[in-house]
Amino acid sequence: MRETLEDLAKRHATPRAFLRGWARVMAGWMEESEFRSGCPIATTLLETAPHSPRITAAGERALDGWIEVVAGVLARDGTPPRDARTRAQLVVSAMEGALVLARVRRSTRPILDVAKMAGD
């Protein structure tokens, strides 16, 4: 996922374009899986954290990596670093929740809505 985000960050100059690109990728993955997919990291962490310190630490590193990429996109657009990290964490959290809603509703709309609202 981090590699996907890094690629999107290179290809999209603005946070809005980056977020919309990310949403299109996630929506495509959900449609391809007929809404059976989701985030394997989230599923694993929900079942194991904090009982397994090793899995918890690995999940934290992965999620922090995603947040770092998103924060970098926001920072290069002028958002102060501290605000960029906080907003990036909110965006990643919203996208993770949108995956759950998309799966339950069998619709890409929640994913696309996150990009629209977070990018404005």
PDB file of N, CA and C in Angstrom:
ATOM      1  N   MET A   1       0.826  -1.190   0.000  1.00  0.00           N
ATOM      2  CA  MET A   1       0.000   0.000   0.000  1.00  0.00           C
ATOM      3  C   MET A   1       0.869   1.252   0.000  1.00  0.00           C
ATOM      4  N   ARG A   2       1.941   1.220   0.784  1.00  0.00           N
ATOM      5  CA  ARG A   2       2.808   2.397   0.809  1.00  0.00           C
ATOM      6  C   ARG A   2       3.371   2.681  -0.582  1.00  0.00           C
ATOM      7  N   GLU A   3       3.775   1.638  -1.286  1.00  0.00           N
ATOM      8  CA  GLU A   3       4.304   1.838  -2.637  1.00  0.00           C
ATOM      9  C   GLU A   3       3.242   2.455  -3.550  1.00  0.00           C
ATOM     10  N   THR A   4       2.020   2.020  -3.410  1.00  0.00           N
ATOM     11  CA  THR A   4       0.929   2.593  -4.195  1.00  0.00           C
ATOM     12  C   THR A   4       0.767   4.069  -3.869  1.00  0.00           C
ATOM     13  N   LEU A   5       0.783   4.404  -2.586  1.00  0.00           N
ATOM     14  CA  LEU A   5       0.641   5.797  -2.174  1.00  0.00           C
ATOM     15  C   LEU A   5       1.818   6.639  -2.666  1.00  0.00           C
ATOM     16  N   GLU A   6       3.015   6.092  -2.581  1.00  0.00           N
ATOM     17  CA  GLU A   6       4.189   6.827  -3.060  1.00  0.00           C
ATOM     18  C   GLU A   6       4.097   7.081  -4.557  1.00  0.00           C
ATOM     19  N   ASP A   7       3.639   6.093  -5.293  1.00  0.00           N
ATOM     20  CA  ASP A   7       3.467   6.261  -6.733  1.00  0.00           C
ATOM     21  C   ASP A   7       2.425   7.336  -7.026  1.00  0.00           C
ATOM     22  N   LEU A   8       1.321   7.301  -6.313  1.00  0.00           N
ATOM     23  CA  LEU A   8       0.282   8.317  -6.499  1.00  0.00           C
ATOM     24  C   LEU A   8       0.809   9.707  -6.139  1.00  0.00           C
ATOM     25  N   ALA A   9       1.618   9.800  -5.094  1.00  0.00           N
ATOM     26  CA  ALA A   9       2.188  11.083  -4.683  1.00  0.00           C
ATOM     27  C   ALA A   9       3.102  11.653  -5.763  1.00  0.00           C
ATOM     28  N   LYS A  10       3.819  10.791  -6.453  1.00  0.00           N
ATOM     29  CA  LYS A  10       4.693  11.245  -7.539  1.00  0.00           C
ATOM     30  C   LYS A  10       3.887  11.712  -8.748  1.00  0.00           C
ATOM     31  N   ARG A  11       2.767  11.065  -8.995  1.00  0.00           N
ATOM     32  CA  ARG A  11       1.981  11.347 -10.196  1.00  0.00           C
ATOM     33  C   ARG A  11       0.990  12.498 -10.046  1.00  0.00           C
ATOM     34  N   HIS A  12       0.673  12.864  -8.821  1.00  0.00           N
ATOM     35  CA  HIS A  12      -0.342  13.898  -8.595  1.00  0.00           C
ATOM     36  C   HIS A  12       0.255  15.065  -7.822  1.00  0.00           C
ATOM     37  N   ALA A  13       0.146  16.247  -8.386  1.00  0.00           N
ATOM     38  CA  ALA A  13       0.798  17.432  -7.826  1.00  0.00           C
ATOM     39  C   ALA A  13       0.071  18.030  -6.625  1.00  0.00           C
ATOM     40  N   THR A  14      -1.236  17.857  -6.562  1.00  0.00           N
ATOM     41  CA  THR A  14      -2.002  18.491  -5.482  1.00  0.00           C
ATOM     42  C   THR A  14      -2.608  17.432  -4.563  1.00  0.00           C
ATOM     43  N   PRO A  15      -2.895  17.818  -3.310  1.00  0.00           N
ATOM     44  CA  PRO A  15      -3.574  16.885  -2.409  1.00  0.00           C
ATOM     45  C   PRO A  15      -4.904  16.394  -2.977  1.00  0.00           C
ATOM     46  N   ARG A  16      -5.654  17.289  -3.606  1.00  0.00           N
ATOM     47  CA  ARG A  16      -6.951  16.898  -4.167  1.00  0.00           C
ATOM     48  C   ARG A  16      -6.783  15.802  -5.218  1.00  0.00           C
ATOM     49  N   ALA A  17      -5.845  15.997  -6.135  1.00  0.00           N
ATOM     50  CA  ALA A  17      -5.614  14.999  -7.188  1.00  0.00           C
ATOM     51  C   ALA A  17      -5.090  13.694  -6.590  1.00  0.00           C
ATOM     52  N   PHE A  18      -4.201  13.801  -5.618  1.00  0.00           N
ATOM     53  CA  PHE A  18      -3.667  12.609  -4.937  1.00  0.00           C
ATOM     54  C   PHE A  18      -4.796  11.820  -4.276  1.00  0.00           C
ATOM     55  N   LEU A  19      -5.630  12.507  -3.521  1.00  0.00           N
ATOM     56  CA  LEU A  19      -6.715  11.815  -2.800  1.00  0.00           C
ATOM     57  C   LEU A  19      -7.724  11.197  -3.763  1.00  0.00           C
ATOM     58  N   ARG A  20      -8.008  11.890  -4.819  1.00  0.00           N
ATOM     59  CA  ARG A  20      -8.939  11.326  -5.809  1.00  0.00           C
ATOM     60  C   ARG A  20      -8.322  10.122  -6.505  1.00  0.00           C
ATOM     61  N   GLY A  21      -7.022  10.183  -6.777  1.00  0.00           N
ATOM     62  CA  GLY A  21      -6.335   9.031  -7.360  1.00  0.00           C
ATOM     63  C   GLY A  21      -6.353   7.845  -6.413  1.00  0.00           C
ATOM     64  N   TRP A  22      -6.087   8.097  -5.146  1.00  0.00           N
ATOM     65  CA  TRP A  22      -6.105   7.037  -4.136  1.00  0.00           C
ATOM     66  C   TRP A  22      -7.505   6.430  -4.059  1.00  0.00           C
ATOM     67  N   ALA A  23      -8.510   7.267  -4.040  1.00  0.00           N
ATOM     68  CA  ALA A  23      -9.887   6.759  -3.965  1.00  0.00           C
ATOM     69  C   ALA A  23     -10.227   5.907  -5.178  1.00  0.00           C
ATOM     70  N   ARG A  24      -9.795   6.344  -6.362  1.00  0.00           N
ATOM     71  CA  ARG A  24     -10.069   5.549  -7.570  1.00  0.00           C
ATOM     72  C   ARG A  24      -9.405   4.174  -7.483  1.00  0.00           C
ATOM     73  N   VAL A  25      -8.175   4.139  -6.970  1.00  0.00           N
ATOM     74  CA  VAL A  25      -7.479   2.853  -6.816  1.00  0.00           C
ATOM     75  C   VAL A  25      -8.240   1.959  -5.840  1.00  0.00           C
ATOM     76  N   MET A  26      -8.595   2.506  -4.687  1.00  0.00           N
ATOM     77  CA  MET A  26      -9.287   1.704  -3.667  1.00  0.00           C
ATOM     78  C   MET A  26     -10.663   1.262  -4.168  1.00  0.00           C
ATOM     79  N   ALA A  27     -11.369   2.165  -4.824  1.00  0.00           N
ATOM     80  CA  ALA A  27     -12.696   1.807  -5.361  1.00  0.00           C
ATOM     81  C   ALA A  27     -12.558   0.709  -6.409  1.00  0.00           C
ATOM     82  N   GLY A  28     -11.543   0.797  -7.239  1.00  0.00           N
ATOM     83  CA  GLY A  28     -11.304  -0.241  -8.245  1.00  0.00           C
ATOM     84  C   GLY A  28     -11.027  -1.590  -7.613  1.00  0.00           C
ATOM     85  N   TRP A  29     -10.201  -1.585  -6.575  1.00  0.00           N
ATOM     86  CA  TRP A  29      -9.902  -2.850  -5.884  1.00  0.00           C
ATOM     87  C   TRP A  29     -11.165  -3.452  -5.285  1.00  0.00           C
ATOM     88  N   MET A  30     -12.002  -2.601  -4.701  1.00  0.00           N
ATOM     89  CA  MET A  30     -13.230  -3.115  -4.096  1.00  0.00           C
ATOM     90  C   MET A  30     -14.161  -3.693  -5.165  1.00  0.00           C
ATOM     91  N   GLU A  31     -14.307  -2.993  -6.273  1.00  0.00           N
ATOM     92  CA  GLU A  31     -15.167  -3.505  -7.345  1.00  0.00           C
ATOM     93  C   GLU A  31     -14.620  -4.803  -7.924  1.00  0.00           C
ATOM     94  N   GLU A  32     -13.309  -4.867  -8.152  1.00  0.00           N
ATOM     95  CA  GLU A  32     -12.692  -6.089  -8.697  1.00  0.00           C
ATOM     96  C   GLU A  32     -12.930  -7.291  -7.801  1.00  0.00           C
ATOM     97  N   SER A  33     -12.956  -7.057  -6.496  1.00  0.00           N
ATOM     98  CA  SER A  33     -13.153  -8.159  -5.550  1.00  0.00           C
ATOM     99  C   SER A  33     -14.630  -8.415  -5.274  1.00  0.00           C
ATOM    100  N   GLU A  34     -15.491  -7.703  -5.985  1.00  0.00           N
ATOM    101  CA  GLU A  34     -16.934  -7.772  -5.733  1.00  0.00           C
ATOM    102  C   GLU A  34     -17.248  -7.448  -4.280  1.00  0.00           C
ATOM    103  N   PHE A  35     -16.529  -6.473  -3.753  1.00  0.00           N
ATOM    104  CA  PHE A  35     -16.700  -5.961  -2.398  1.00  0.00           C
ATOM    105  C   PHE A  35     -16.394  -7.001  -1.323  1.00  0.00           C
ATOM    106  N   ARG A  36     -15.498  -7.916  -1.630  1.00  0.00           N
ATOM    107  CA  ARG A  36     -15.056  -8.903  -0.639  1.00  0.00           C
ATOM    108  C   ARG A  36     -13.764  -8.464   0.036  1.00  0.00           C
ATOM    109  N   SER A  37     -13.026  -7.575  -0.617  1.00  0.00           N
ATOM    110  CA  SER A  37     -11.753  -7.109  -0.073  1.00  0.00           C
ATOM    111  C   SER A  37     -11.977  -6.054   0.990  1.00  0.00           C
ATOM    112  N   GLY A  38     -10.913  -5.703   1.594  1.00  0.00           N
ATOM    113  CA  GLY A  38     -10.872  -4.644   2.590  1.00  0.00           C
ATOM    114  C   GLY A  38      -9.410  -4.412   2.876  1.00  0.00           C
ATOM    115  N   CYS A  39      -9.112  -3.969   4.033  1.00  0.00           N
ATOM    116  CA  CYS A  39      -7.727  -3.751   4.421  1.00  0.00           C
ATOM    117  C   CYS A  39      -7.264  -4.914   5.288  1.00  0.00           C
ATOM    118  N   PRO A  40      -6.351  -5.740   4.786  1.00  0.00           N
ATOM    119  CA  PRO A  40      -5.902  -6.873   5.582  1.00  0.00           C
ATOM    120  C   PRO A  40      -5.161  -6.457   6.850  1.00  0.00           C
ATOM    121  N   ILE A  41      -4.526  -5.311   6.812  1.00  0.00           N
ATOM    122  CA  ILE A  41      -3.841  -4.835   8.019  1.00  0.00           C
ATOM    123  C   ILE A  41      -4.864  -4.502   9.091  1.00  0.00           C
ATOM    124  N   ALA A  42      -5.918  -3.783   8.716  1.00  0.00           N
ATOM    125  CA  ALA A  42      -6.942  -3.422   9.698  1.00  0.00           C
ATOM    126  C   ALA A  42      -7.586  -4.666  10.299  1.00  0.00           C
ATOM    127  N   THR A  43      -7.933  -5.616   9.455  1.00  0.00           N
ATOM    128  CA  THR A  43      -8.568  -6.847   9.938  1.00  0.00           C
ATOM    129  C   THR A  43      -7.656  -7.569  10.913  1.00  0.00           C
ATOM    130  N   THR A  44      -6.401  -7.708  10.548  1.00  0.00           N
ATOM    131  CA  THR A  44      -5.438  -8.396  11.414  1.00  0.00           C
ATOM    132  C   THR A  44      -5.272  -7.654  12.735  1.00  0.00           C
ATOM    133  N   LEU A  45      -5.119  -6.335  12.671  1.00  0.00           N
ATOM    134  CA  LEU A  45      -4.916  -5.560  13.894  1.00  0.00           C
ATOM    135  C   LEU A  45      -6.146  -5.592  14.798  1.00  0.00           C
ATOM    136  N   LEU A  46      -7.326  -5.560  14.213  1.00  0.00           N
ATOM    137  CA  LEU A  46      -8.533  -5.620  15.031  1.00  0.00           C
ATOM    138  C   LEU A  46      -8.625  -6.935  15.801  1.00  0.00           C
ATOM    139  N   GLU A  47      -8.089  -7.985  15.211  1.00  0.00           N
ATOM    140  CA  GLU A  47      -8.154  -9.305  15.853  1.00  0.00           C
ATOM    141  C   GLU A  47      -6.989  -9.586  16.801  1.00  0.00           C
ATOM    142  N   THR A  48      -5.870  -8.877  16.644  1.00  0.00           N
ATOM    143  CA  THR A  48      -4.669  -9.246  17.411  1.00  0.00           C
ATOM    144  C   THR A  48      -4.118  -8.156  18.320  1.00  0.00           C
ATOM    145  N   ALA A  49      -4.306  -6.895  17.981  1.00  0.00           N
ATOM    146  CA  ALA A  49      -3.729  -5.811  18.791  1.00  0.00           C
ATOM    147  C   ALA A  49      -4.600  -5.590  20.017  1.00  0.00           C
ATOM    148  N   PRO A  50      -4.042  -5.361  21.132  1.00  0.00           N
ATOM    149  CA  PRO A  50      -2.629  -5.303  21.479  1.00  0.00           C
ATOM    150  C   PRO A  50      -2.071  -6.626  22.008  1.00  0.00           C
ATOM    151  N   HIS A  51      -2.799  -7.716  21.824  1.00  0.00           N
ATOM    152  CA  HIS A  51      -2.381  -8.997  22.378  1.00  0.00           C
ATOM    153  C   HIS A  51      -1.074  -9.512  21.795  1.00  0.00           C
ATOM    154  N   SER A  52      -0.792  -9.177  20.558  1.00  0.00           N
ATOM    155  CA  SER A  52       0.456  -9.585  19.926  1.00  0.00           C
ATOM    156  C   SER A  52       1.313  -8.343  19.689  1.00  0.00           C
ATOM    157  N   PRO A  53       2.289  -8.106  20.546  1.00  0.00           N
ATOM    158  CA  PRO A  53       3.131  -6.918  20.389  1.00  0.00           C
ATOM    159  C   PRO A  53       3.845  -6.855  19.037  1.00  0.00           C
ATOM    160  N   ARG A  54       4.261  -7.981  18.497  1.00  0.00           N
ATOM    161  CA  ARG A  54       4.965  -7.970  17.212  1.00  0.00           C
ATOM    162  C   ARG A  54       4.044  -7.561  16.068  1.00  0.00           C
ATOM    163  N   ILE A  55       2.846  -8.108  16.052  1.00  0.00           N
ATOM    164  CA  ILE A  55       1.890  -7.743  14.995  1.00  0.00           C
ATOM    165  C   ILE A  55       1.453  -6.293  15.172  1.00  0.00           C
ATOM    166  N   THR A  56       1.228  -5.889  16.414  1.00  0.00           N
ATOM    167  CA  THR A  56       0.849  -4.504  16.683  1.00  0.00           C
ATOM    168  C   THR A  56       1.924  -3.544  16.173  1.00  0.00           C
ATOM    169  N   ALA A  57       3.172  -3.838  16.467  1.00  0.00           N
ATOM    170  CA  ALA A  57       4.286  -2.979  16.032  1.00  0.00           C
ATOM    171  C   ALA A  57       4.393  -2.940  14.509  1.00  0.00           C
ATOM    172  N   ALA A  58       4.217  -4.080  13.863  1.00  0.00           N
ATOM    173  CA  ALA A  58       4.272  -4.125  12.398  1.00  0.00           C
ATOM    174  C   ALA A  58       3.130  -3.316  11.787  1.00  0.00           C
ATOM    175  N   GLY A  59       1.957  -3.437  12.355  1.00  0.00           N
ATOM    176  CA  GLY A  59       0.811  -2.675  11.869  1.00  0.00           C
ATOM    177  C   GLY A  59       1.004  -1.183  12.075  1.00  0.00           C
ATOM    178  N   GLU A  60       1.550  -0.832  13.208  1.00  0.00           N
ATOM    179  CA  GLU A  60       1.810   0.584  13.480  1.00  0.00           C
ATOM    180  C   GLU A  60       2.812   1.152  12.472  1.00  0.00           C
ATOM    181  N   ARG A  61       3.853   0.397  12.172  1.00  0.00           N
ATOM    182  CA  ARG A  61       4.842   0.856  11.174  1.00  0.00           C
ATOM    183  C   ARG A  61       4.184   1.031   9.809  1.00  0.00           C
ATOM    184  N   ALA A  62       3.346   0.086   9.429  1.00  0.00           N
ATOM    185  CA  ALA A  62       2.679   0.177   8.128  1.00  0.00           C
ATOM    186  C   ALA A  62       1.777   1.406   8.068  1.00  0.00           C
ATOM    187  N   LEU A  63       0.928   1.564   9.055  1.00  0.00           N
ATOM    188  CA  LEU A  63       0.007   2.696   9.068  1.00  0.00           C
ATOM    189  C   LEU A  63       0.758   4.023   9.150  1.00  0.00           C
ATOM    190  N   ASP A  64       1.807   4.071   9.961  1.00  0.00           N
ATOM    191  CA  ASP A  64       2.608   5.297  10.043  1.00  0.00           C
ATOM    192  C   ASP A  64       3.256   5.622   8.702  1.00  0.00           C
ATOM    193  N   GLY A  65       3.628   4.598   7.956  1.00  0.00           N
ATOM    194  CA  GLY A  65       4.189   4.823   6.622  1.00  0.00           C
ATOM    195  C   GLY A  65       3.176   5.449   5.687  1.00  0.00           C
ATOM    196  N   TRP A  66       1.939   4.986   5.747  1.00  0.00           N
ATOM    197  CA  TRP A  66       0.889   5.558   4.908  1.00  0.00           C
ATOM    198  C   TRP A  66       0.659   7.021   5.295  1.00  0.00           C
ATOM    199  N   ILE A  67       0.586   7.251   6.615  1.00  0.00           N
ATOM    200  CA  ILE A  67       0.370   8.612   7.119  1.00  0.00           C
ATOM    201  C   ILE A  67       1.518   9.518   6.677  1.00  0.00           C
ATOM    202  N   GLU A  68       2.720   9.010   6.714  1.00  0.00           N
ATOM    203  CA  GLU A  68       3.893   9.787   6.302  1.00  0.00           C
ATOM    204  C   GLU A  68       3.784  10.227   4.839  1.00  0.00           C
ATOM    205  N   VAL A  69       3.367   9.314   3.983  1.00  0.00           N
ATOM    206  CA  VAL A  69       3.231   9.654   2.556  1.00  0.00           C
ATOM    207  C   VAL A  69       2.153  10.723   2.364  1.00  0.00           C
ATOM    208  N   VAL A  70       1.008  10.524   2.980  1.00  0.00           N
ATOM    209  CA  VAL A  70      -0.083  11.491   2.836  1.00  0.00           C
ATOM    210  C   VAL A  70       0.340  12.843   3.419  1.00  0.00           C
ATOM    211  N   ALA A  71       0.993  12.836   4.561  1.00  0.00           N
ATOM    212  CA  ALA A  71       1.470  14.082   5.173  1.00  0.00           C
ATOM    213  C   ALA A  71       2.458  14.792   4.255  1.00  0.00           C
ATOM    214  N   GLY A  72       3.292  14.041   3.582  1.00  0.00           N
ATOM    215  CA  GLY A  72       4.235  14.639   2.641  1.00  0.00           C
ATOM    216  C   GLY A  72       3.534  15.350   1.503  1.00  0.00           C
ATOM    217  N   VAL A  73       2.472  14.753   1.000  1.00  0.00           N
ATOM    218  CA  VAL A  73       1.689  15.391  -0.068  1.00  0.00           C
ATOM    219  C   VAL A  73       1.086  16.698   0.439  1.00  0.00           C
ATOM    220  N   LEU A  74       0.550  16.665   1.635  1.00  0.00           N
ATOM    221  CA  LEU A  74      -0.058  17.870   2.205  1.00  0.00           C
ATOM    222  C   LEU A  74       0.995  18.938   2.494  1.00  0.00           C
ATOM    223  N   ALA A  75       2.147  18.524   3.011  1.00  0.00           N
ATOM    224  CA  ALA A  75       3.208  19.474   3.351  1.00  0.00           C
ATOM    225  C   ALA A  75       3.783  20.157   2.116  1.00  0.00           C
ATOM    226  N   ARG A  76       3.954  19.416   1.052  1.00  0.00           N
ATOM    227  CA  ARG A  76       4.514  20.045  -0.145  1.00  0.00           C
ATOM    228  C   ARG A  76       3.545  21.049  -0.767  1.00  0.00           C
ATOM    229  N   ASP A  77       2.272  20.976  -0.346  1.00  0.00           N
ATOM    230  CA  ASP A  77       1.274  21.937  -0.807  1.00  0.00           C
ATOM    231  C   ASP A  77       1.148  23.117   0.163  1.00  0.00           C
ATOM    232  N   GLY A  78       1.974  23.136   1.208  1.00  0.00           N
ATOM    233  CA  GLY A  78       2.001  24.276   2.116  1.00  0.00           C
ATOM    234  C   GLY A  78       1.406  24.055   3.487  1.00  0.00           C
ATOM    235  N   THR A  79       0.875  22.878   3.764  1.00  0.00           N
ATOM    236  CA  THR A  79       0.344  22.611   5.097  1.00  0.00           C
ATOM    237  C   THR A  79       1.514  22.480   6.066  1.00  0.00           C
ATOM    238  N   PRO A  80       1.483  23.165   7.208  1.00  0.00           N
ATOM    239  CA  PRO A  80       2.570  23.028   8.184  1.00  0.00           C
ATOM    240  C   PRO A  80       2.742  21.553   8.588  1.00  0.00           C
ATOM    241  N   PRO A  81       3.984  21.107   8.810  1.00  0.00           N
ATOM    242  CA  PRO A  81       4.248  19.678   9.083  1.00  0.00           C
ATOM    243  C   PRO A  81       3.373  19.049  10.167  1.00  0.00           C
ATOM    244  N   ARG A  82       3.192  19.721  11.288  1.00  0.00           N
ATOM    245  CA  ARG A  82       2.383  19.134  12.372  1.00  0.00           C
ATOM    246  C   ARG A  82       0.929  18.975  11.921  1.00  0.00           C
ATOM    247  N   ASP A  83       0.399  19.994  11.261  1.00  0.00           N
ATOM    248  CA  ASP A  83      -0.975  19.920  10.756  1.00  0.00           C
ATOM    249  C   ASP A  83      -1.095  18.863   9.650  1.00  0.00           C
ATOM    250  N   ALA A  84      -0.061  18.758   8.832  1.00  0.00           N
ATOM    251  CA  ALA A  84      -0.075  17.775   7.743  1.00  0.00           C
ATOM    252  C   ALA A  84      -0.178  16.364   8.310  1.00  0.00           C
ATOM    253  N   ARG A  85       0.583  16.072   9.354  1.00  0.00           N
ATOM    254  CA  ARG A  85       0.539  14.734   9.956  1.00  0.00           C
ATOM    255  C   ARG A  85      -0.834  14.463  10.583  1.00  0.00           C
ATOM    256  N   THR A  86      -1.365  15.439  11.278  1.00  0.00           N
ATOM    257  CA  THR A  86      -2.680  15.264  11.909  1.00  0.00           C
ATOM    258  C   THR A  86      -3.762  15.049  10.848  1.00  0.00           C
ATOM    259  N   ARG A  87      -3.732  15.857   9.800  1.00  0.00           N
ATOM    260  CA  ARG A  87      -4.726  15.719   8.737  1.00  0.00           C
ATOM    261  C   ARG A  87      -4.544  14.397   7.998  1.00  0.00           C
ATOM    262  N   ALA A  88      -3.290  13.993   7.780  1.00  0.00           N
ATOM    263  CA  ALA A  88      -3.024  12.718   7.110  1.00  0.00           C
ATOM    264  C   ALA A  88      -3.567  11.550   7.921  1.00  0.00           C
ATOM    265  N   GLN A  89      -3.407  11.613   9.232  1.00  0.00           N
ATOM    266  CA  GLN A  89      -3.947  10.558  10.093  1.00  0.00           C
ATOM    267  C   GLN A  89      -5.462  10.502   9.975  1.00  0.00           C
ATOM    268  N   LEU A  90      -6.096  11.661   9.909  1.00  0.00           N
ATOM    269  CA  LEU A  90      -7.549  11.712   9.740  1.00  0.00           C
ATOM    270  C   LEU A  90      -7.958  11.112   8.394  1.00  0.00           C
ATOM    271  N   VAL A  91      -7.218  11.437   7.343  1.00  0.00           N
ATOM    272  CA  VAL A  91      -7.539  10.928   6.011  1.00  0.00           C
ATOM    273  C   VAL A  91      -7.387   9.406   5.959  1.00  0.00           C
ATOM    274  N   VAL A  92      -6.299   8.889   6.511  1.00  0.00           N
ATOM    275  CA  VAL A  92      -6.086   7.433   6.517  1.00  0.00           C
ATOM    276  C   VAL A  92      -7.195   6.758   7.331  1.00  0.00           C
ATOM    277  N   SER A  93      -7.539   7.327   8.463  1.00  0.00           N
ATOM    278  CA  SER A  93      -8.621   6.770   9.281  1.00  0.00           C
ATOM    279  C   SER A  93      -9.943   6.777   8.530  1.00  0.00           C
ATOM    280  N   ALA A  94     -10.217   7.879   7.856  1.00  0.00           N
ATOM    281  CA  ALA A  94     -11.458   7.976   7.090  1.00  0.00           C
ATOM    282  C   ALA A  94     -11.483   6.959   5.951  1.00  0.00           C
ATOM    283  N   MET A  95     -10.349   6.791   5.279  1.00  0.00           N
ATOM    284  CA  MET A  95     -10.295   5.832   4.173  1.00  0.00           C
ATOM    285  C   MET A  95     -10.500   4.406   4.697  1.00  0.00           C
ATOM    286  N   GLU A  96      -9.905   4.090   5.825  1.00  0.00           N
ATOM    287  CA  GLU A  96     -10.095   2.757   6.408  1.00  0.00           C
ATOM    288  C   GLU A  96     -11.567   2.518   6.748  1.00  0.00           C
ATOM    289  N   GLY A  97     -12.213   3.505   7.335  1.00  0.00           N
ATOM    290  CA  GLY A  97     -13.639   3.381   7.628  1.00  0.00           C
ATOM    291  C   GLY A  97     -14.479   3.283   6.370  1.00  0.00           C
ATOM    292  N   ALA A  98     -14.063   4.026   5.341  1.00  0.00           N
ATOM    293  CA  ALA A  98     -14.795   3.992   4.071  1.00  0.00           C
ATOM    294  C   ALA A  98     -14.735   2.609   3.442  1.00  0.00           C
ATOM    295  N   LEU A  99     -13.627   1.899   3.625  1.00  0.00           N
ATOM    296  CA  LEU A  99     -13.531   0.536   3.086  1.00  0.00           C
ATOM    297  C   LEU A  99     -14.565  -0.372   3.732  1.00  0.00           C
ATOM    298  N   VAL A 100     -14.762  -0.199   5.028  1.00  0.00           N
ATOM    299  CA  VAL A 100     -15.780  -0.997   5.724  1.00  0.00           C
ATOM    300  C   VAL A 100     -17.166  -0.656   5.183  1.00  0.00           C
ATOM    301  N   LEU A 101     -17.469   0.631   5.095  1.00  0.00           N
ATOM    302  CA  LEU A 101     -18.776   1.046   4.578  1.00  0.00           C
ATOM    303  C   LEU A 101     -18.984   0.583   3.143  1.00  0.00           C
ATOM    304  N   ALA A 102     -17.948   0.698   2.326  1.00  0.00           N
ATOM    305  CA  ALA A 102     -18.059   0.268   0.930  1.00  0.00           C
ATOM    306  C   ALA A 102     -18.392  -1.213   0.842  1.00  0.00           C
ATOM    307  N   ARG A 103     -17.745  -1.979   1.672  1.00  0.00           N
ATOM    308  CA  ARG A 103     -17.982  -3.428   1.651  1.00  0.00           C
ATOM    309  C   ARG A 103     -19.411  -3.748   2.095  1.00  0.00           C
ATOM    310  N   VAL A 104     -19.839  -3.145   3.163  1.00  0.00           N
ATOM    311  CA  VAL A 104     -21.179  -3.400   3.688  1.00  0.00           C
ATOM    312  C   VAL A 104     -22.248  -2.927   2.704  1.00  0.00           C
ATOM    313  N   ARG A 105     -22.038  -1.768   2.119  1.00  0.00           N
ATOM    314  CA  ARG A 105     -23.032  -1.201   1.202  1.00  0.00           C
ATOM    315  C   ARG A 105     -22.872  -1.673  -0.241  1.00  0.00           C
ATOM    316  N   ARG A 106     -21.773  -2.381  -0.488  1.00  0.00           N
ATOM    317  CA  ARG A 106     -21.457  -2.823  -1.849  1.00  0.00           C
ATOM    318  C   ARG A 106     -21.495  -1.645  -2.813  1.00  0.00           C
ATOM    319  N   SER A 107     -20.788  -0.598  -2.381  1.00  0.00           N
ATOM    320  CA  SER A 107     -20.760   0.647  -3.147  1.00  0.00           C
ATOM    321  C   SER A 107     -19.406   1.322  -2.959  1.00  0.00           C
ATOM    322  N   THR A 108     -18.910   1.920  -4.026  1.00  0.00           N
ATOM    323  CA  THR A 108     -17.662   2.674  -3.926  1.00  0.00           C
ATOM    324  C   THR A 108     -17.896   4.089  -3.405  1.00  0.00           C
ATOM    325  N   ARG A 109     -19.149   4.501  -3.283  1.00  0.00           N
ATOM    326  CA  ARG A 109     -19.466   5.872  -2.881  1.00  0.00           C
ATOM    327  C   ARG A 109     -18.763   6.303  -1.592  1.00  0.00           C
ATOM    328  N   PRO A 110     -18.718   5.508  -0.516  1.00  0.00           N
ATOM    329  CA  PRO A 110     -18.033   5.973   0.694  1.00  0.00           C
ATOM    330  C   PRO A 110     -16.549   6.311   0.452  1.00  0.00           C
ATOM    331  N   ILE A 111     -15.897   5.536  -0.379  1.00  0.00           N
ATOM    332  CA  ILE A 111     -14.483   5.778  -0.678  1.00  0.00           C
ATOM    333  C   ILE A 111     -14.332   7.079  -1.455  1.00  0.00           C
ATOM    334  N   LEU A 112     -15.148   7.260  -2.464  1.00  0.00           N
ATOM    335  CA  LEU A 112     -15.077   8.461  -3.284  1.00  0.00           C
ATOM    336  C   LEU A 112     -15.462   9.703  -2.482  1.00  0.00           C
ATOM    337  N   ASP A 113     -16.380   9.545  -1.540  1.00  0.00           N
ATOM    338  CA  ASP A 113     -16.777  10.673  -0.686  1.00  0.00           C
ATOM    339  C   ASP A 113     -15.629  11.127   0.208  1.00  0.00           C
ATOM    340  N   VAL A 114     -14.836  10.196   0.713  1.00  0.00           N
ATOM    341  CA  VAL A 114     -13.689  10.578   1.547  1.00  0.00           C
ATOM    342  C   VAL A 114     -12.756  11.475   0.757  1.00  0.00           C
ATOM    343  N   ALA A 115     -12.442  11.081  -0.452  1.00  0.00           N
ATOM    344  CA  ALA A 115     -11.533  11.886  -1.281  1.00  0.00           C
ATOM    345  C   ALA A 115     -12.119  13.261  -1.557  1.00  0.00           C
ATOM    346  N   LYS A 116     -13.393  13.287  -1.834  1.00  0.00           N
ATOM    347  CA  LYS A 116     -14.044  14.566  -2.144  1.00  0.00           C
ATOM    348  C   LYS A 116     -14.010  15.497  -0.933  1.00  0.00           C
ATOM    349  N   MET A 117     -14.378  15.000   0.233  1.00  0.00           N
ATOM    350  CA  MET A 117     -14.458  15.838   1.425  1.00  0.00           C
ATOM    351  C   MET A 117     -13.064  16.190   1.960  1.00  0.00           C
ATOM    352  N   ALA A 118     -12.143  15.259   1.930  1.00  0.00           N
ATOM    353  CA  ALA A 118     -10.806  15.503   2.465  1.00  0.00           C
ATOM    354  C   ALA A 118      -9.981  16.383   1.541  1.00  0.00           C
ATOM    355  N   GLY A 119     -10.299  16.364   0.255  1.00  0.00           N
ATOM    356  CA  GLY A 119      -9.527  17.141  -0.712  1.00  0.00           C
ATOM    357  C   GLY A 119      -9.992  18.569  -0.884  1.00  0.00           C
ATOM    358  N   ASP A 120     -11.113  18.900  -0.296  1.00  0.00           N
ATOM    359  CA  ASP A 120     -11.634  20.270  -0.441  1.00  0.00           C
ATOM    360  C   ASP A 120     -11.140  21.167   0.675  1.00  0.00           C
TER     361      ASP A 120
END
